[in-house]
Amino acid sequence: MDFKEATDGLFDRISHEELADALGVSVASVRQARLNRNANAYREPPPGWERAILRLLEQRINRYRKLAEWIKRG
């Protein structure tokens, strides 16, 4: 792993597409659920969103741990 690969891992983020896939919904559904509740296009978050986000967070934590271990090893 080099500097670019390490910083790519650091800057990586979860996309609307990844969240939609984890929830089994469309990207539009994710975007609508993220709107202000007063917006006309607002929709309630999909059922099970907490579990899906937790799974994505845990995956991200594991990736950061691996990156941290690689950097510690030098």
C-alpha atoms as a PDB file:
ATOM      1  CA  MET A   1       0.000   0.000   0.000  1.00  0.00           C
ATOM      2  CA  ASP A   2       1.317   3.441  -0.843  1.00  0.00           C
ATOM      3  CA  PHE A   3       0.339   7.000   0.108  1.00  0.00           C
ATOM      4  CA  LYS A   4      -2.361   7.238  -2.563  1.00  0.00           C
ATOM      5  CA  GLU A   5      -3.955   3.917  -1.617  1.00  0.00           C
ATOM      6  CA  ALA A   6      -3.885   4.840   2.080  1.00  0.00           C
ATOM      7  CA  THR A   7      -5.443   8.254   1.511  1.00  0.00           C
ATOM      8  CA  ASP A   8      -8.008   6.804  -0.906  1.00  0.00           C
ATOM      9  CA  GLY A   9      -9.070   4.498   1.938  1.00  0.00           C
ATOM     10  CA  LEU A  10      -9.193   7.420   4.337  1.00  0.00           C
ATOM     11  CA  PHE A  11     -11.301   9.598   2.012  1.00  0.00           C
ATOM     12  CA  ASP A  12     -13.628   6.817   0.905  1.00  0.00           C
ATOM     13  CA  ARG A  13     -17.268   7.405   1.790  1.00  0.00           C
ATOM     14  CA  ILE A  14     -20.524   5.526   1.650  1.00  0.00           C
ATOM     15  CA  SER A  15     -22.520   6.571  -1.401  1.00  0.00           C
ATOM     16  CA  HIS A  16     -26.249   6.881  -1.866  1.00  0.00           C
ATOM     17  CA  GLU A  17     -25.968   3.866  -4.158  1.00  0.00           C
ATOM     18  CA  GLU A  18     -24.293   1.689  -1.495  1.00  0.00           C
ATOM     19  CA  LEU A  19     -26.918   2.624   1.089  1.00  0.00           C
ATOM     20  CA  ALA A  20     -29.761   2.006  -1.372  1.00  0.00           C
ATOM     21  CA  ASP A  21     -28.309  -1.415  -2.171  1.00  0.00           C
ATOM     22  CA  ALA A  22     -27.957  -2.279   1.531  1.00  0.00           C
ATOM     23  CA  LEU A  23     -31.581  -1.247   2.097  1.00  0.00           C
ATOM     24  CA  GLY A  24     -32.919  -2.892  -1.054  1.00  0.00           C
ATOM     25  CA  VAL A  25     -34.449   0.372  -2.256  1.00  0.00           C
ATOM     26  CA  SER A  26     -33.815   2.907  -5.000  1.00  0.00           C
ATOM     27  CA  VAL A  27     -31.354   5.766  -4.737  1.00  0.00           C
ATOM     28  CA  ALA A  28     -34.325   8.122  -5.083  1.00  0.00           C
ATOM     29  CA  SER A  29     -35.863   6.579  -1.946  1.00  0.00           C
ATOM     30  CA  VAL A  30     -32.660   7.225   0.001  1.00  0.00           C
ATOM     31  CA  ARG A  31     -32.506  10.816  -1.219  1.00  0.00           C
ATOM     32  CA  GLN A  32     -36.160  11.448  -0.409  1.00  0.00           C
ATOM     33  CA  ALA A  33     -35.776  10.026   3.098  1.00  0.00           C
ATOM     34  CA  ARG A  34     -32.827  12.383   3.680  1.00  0.00           C
ATOM     35  CA  LEU A  35     -34.869  15.479   2.813  1.00  0.00           C
ATOM     36  CA  ASN A  36     -36.268  17.828   5.401  1.00  0.00           C
ATOM     37  CA  ARG A  37     -39.543  16.418   6.721  1.00  0.00           C
ATOM     38  CA  ASN A  38     -41.337  19.550   5.483  1.00  0.00           C
ATOM     39  CA  ALA A  39     -40.258  19.023   1.863  1.00  0.00           C
ATOM     40  CA  ASN A  40     -42.951  17.891  -0.555  1.00  0.00           C
ATOM     41  CA  ALA A  41     -40.813  15.012  -1.831  1.00  0.00           C
ATOM     42  CA  TYR A  42     -39.936  13.724   1.670  1.00  0.00           C
ATOM     43  CA  ARG A  43     -40.579  10.018   2.276  1.00  0.00           C
ATOM     44  CA  GLU A  44     -40.163   7.980   5.467  1.00  0.00           C
ATOM     45  CA  PRO A  45     -36.918   6.000   5.708  1.00  0.00           C
ATOM     46  CA  PRO A  46     -37.171   2.374   4.599  1.00  0.00           C
ATOM     47  CA  PRO A  47     -37.873  -0.215   7.284  1.00  0.00           C
ATOM     48  CA  GLY A  48     -34.734  -1.744   8.733  1.00  0.00           C
ATOM     49  CA  TRP A  49     -32.608   1.305   7.965  1.00  0.00           C
ATOM     50  CA  GLU A  50     -30.920   1.149  11.368  1.00  0.00           C
ATOM     51  CA  ARG A  51     -29.613  -2.393  10.801  1.00  0.00           C
ATOM     52  CA  ALA A  52     -28.417  -1.564   7.297  1.00  0.00           C
ATOM     53  CA  ILE A  53     -26.549   1.524   8.484  1.00  0.00           C
ATOM     54  CA  LEU A  54     -25.029  -0.408  11.361  1.00  0.00           C
ATOM     55  CA  ARG A  55     -23.752  -3.062   8.923  1.00  0.00           C
ATOM     56  CA  LEU A  56     -22.204  -0.388   6.692  1.00  0.00           C
ATOM     57  CA  LEU A  57     -20.641   1.336   9.702  1.00  0.00           C
ATOM     58  CA  GLU A  58     -19.129  -1.899  10.973  1.00  0.00           C
ATOM     59  CA  GLN A  59     -17.678  -2.626   7.537  1.00  0.00           C
ATOM     60  CA  ARG A  60     -16.181   0.861   7.438  1.00  0.00           C
ATOM     61  CA  ILE A  61     -14.740   0.481  10.952  1.00  0.00           C
ATOM     62  CA  ASN A  62     -13.053  -2.764   9.889  1.00  0.00           C
ATOM     63  CA  ARG A  63     -11.569  -1.072   6.814  1.00  0.00           C
ATOM     64  CA  TYR A  64     -10.195   1.779   8.949  1.00  0.00           C
ATOM     65  CA  ARG A  65      -8.763  -0.702  11.459  1.00  0.00           C
ATOM     66  CA  LYS A  66      -6.946  -2.527   8.664  1.00  0.00           C
ATOM     67  CA  LEU A  67      -5.622   0.765   7.324  1.00  0.00           C
ATOM     68  CA  ALA A  68      -4.472   1.800  10.808  1.00  0.00           C
ATOM     69  CA  GLU A  69      -2.701  -1.542  11.334  1.00  0.00           C
ATOM     70  CA  TRP A  70      -0.935  -1.234   7.999  1.00  0.00           C
ATOM     71  CA  ILE A  71       0.287   2.270   8.876  1.00  0.00           C
ATOM     72  CA  LYS A  72       1.407   1.185  12.373  1.00  0.00           C
ATOM     73  CA  ARG A  73       3.479  -1.619  10.846  1.00  0.00           C
ATOM     74  CA  GLY A  74       5.182   1.003   8.701  1.00  0.00           C
END
